[in-house]
């Protein structure tokens, strides 16, 4: 998806502490869900661009920590979980 690669390669992302220095040593795994009724391509692009930039910033800052992940594991919700 072009919004993902655009975000990763953007000037903003290159300024995220440590991102450029570690680029050759890291891999980015990205999952994107686009609702089947989504109709606004610009909005889809913008949301995914921003989400990727925020995820990269958090990852380079070590967030969330494993303690934060464990503390929040039962609070996560997903509409397809069913319970």
Protein backbone atom coordinates (compact mmCIF):
# COMPACT_ATOMS: atom_id res chain seq x y z
CA UNK A 1 0.00 0.00 0.00
CA UNK A 2 1.51 3.27 -1.09
CA UNK A 3 0.50 5.15 2.08
CA UNK A 4 2.62 2.79 4.17
CA UNK A 5 5.80 3.12 2.12
CA UNK A 6 5.23 6.87 1.74
CA UNK A 7 5.00 7.25 5.49
CA UNK A 8 8.07 5.13 6.19
CA UNK A 9 10.13 7.13 3.67
CA UNK A 10 8.77 10.56 4.62
CA UNK A 11 10.95 13.32 6.01
CA UNK A 12 8.96 13.17 9.26
CA UNK A 13 9.72 9.48 9.70
CA UNK A 14 13.40 9.95 8.90
CA UNK A 15 13.60 12.44 11.78
CA UNK A 16 12.22 9.91 14.30
CA UNK A 17 15.03 9.21 16.75
CA UNK A 18 16.98 6.14 15.71
CA UNK A 19 14.92 5.25 12.63
CA UNK A 20 17.50 6.16 10.00
CA UNK A 21 20.41 4.71 11.97
CA UNK A 22 18.70 1.34 12.36
CA UNK A 23 17.04 1.11 8.94
CA UNK A 24 19.36 -1.64 7.69
CA UNK A 25 18.84 -3.73 10.86
CA UNK A 26 15.05 -3.57 11.22
CA UNK A 27 12.06 -5.01 9.45
CA UNK A 28 8.60 -3.47 9.35
CA UNK A 29 5.61 -5.79 9.50
CA UNK A 30 2.39 -4.02 8.69
CA UNK A 31 -1.18 -5.23 8.58
CA UNK A 32 -3.83 -3.01 7.03
CA UNK A 33 -7.57 -3.51 7.28
CA UNK A 34 -9.77 -1.56 4.91
CA UNK A 35 -13.48 -1.95 5.47
CA UNK A 36 -15.23 -3.31 2.39
CA UNK A 37 -17.61 -0.33 2.41
CA UNK A 38 -14.83 2.27 2.64
CA UNK A 39 -15.30 4.63 -0.29
CA UNK A 40 -13.03 7.61 0.31
CA UNK A 41 -9.61 6.69 -1.08
CA UNK A 42 -8.00 9.90 0.17
CA UNK A 43 -9.24 9.29 3.72
CA UNK A 44 -8.02 5.66 3.61
CA UNK A 45 -4.60 6.84 2.41
CA UNK A 46 -4.39 9.61 5.03
CA UNK A 47 -5.43 7.36 7.93
CA UNK A 48 -2.94 4.63 6.98
CA UNK A 49 -0.17 7.18 6.43
CA UNK A 50 -0.70 8.72 9.86
CA UNK A 51 -1.12 5.37 11.62
CA UNK A 52 2.14 4.10 10.13
CA UNK A 53 4.01 7.24 11.17
CA UNK A 54 2.66 6.97 14.73
CA UNK A 55 3.49 3.25 14.92
CA UNK A 56 7.05 3.88 13.77
CA UNK A 57 7.48 6.65 16.34
CA UNK A 58 6.19 4.39 19.14
CA UNK A 59 8.37 1.48 18.02
CA UNK A 60 11.52 3.57 17.99
CA UNK A 61 10.64 4.86 21.48
CA UNK A 62 10.16 1.31 22.78
CA UNK A 63 6.41 1.76 23.26
CA UNK A 64 4.42 -0.01 24.34
CA UNK A 65 6.66 -1.81 26.79
CA UNK A 66 6.05 -5.48 27.48
CA UNK A 67 4.62 -4.52 30.87
CA UNK A 68 2.13 -2.17 29.17
CA UNK A 69 1.17 -4.89 26.69
CA UNK A 70 0.57 -7.44 29.44
CA UNK A 71 -1.37 -4.92 31.56
CA UNK A 72 -3.67 -4.09 28.65
CA UNK A 73 -4.14 -7.54 27.12
CA UNK A 74 -7.63 -8.08 28.55
CA UNK A 75 -8.76 -4.56 27.66
CA UNK A 76 -8.25 -4.97 23.91
CA UNK A 77 -11.44 -5.20 21.90
CA UNK A 78 -12.09 -6.31 18.33
CA UNK A 79 -15.47 -6.26 16.59
CA UNK A 80 -14.90 -9.70 15.00
CA UNK A 81 -13.89 -11.40 18.25
CA UNK A 82 -17.52 -12.22 19.01
CA UNK A 83 -17.36 -12.05 22.81
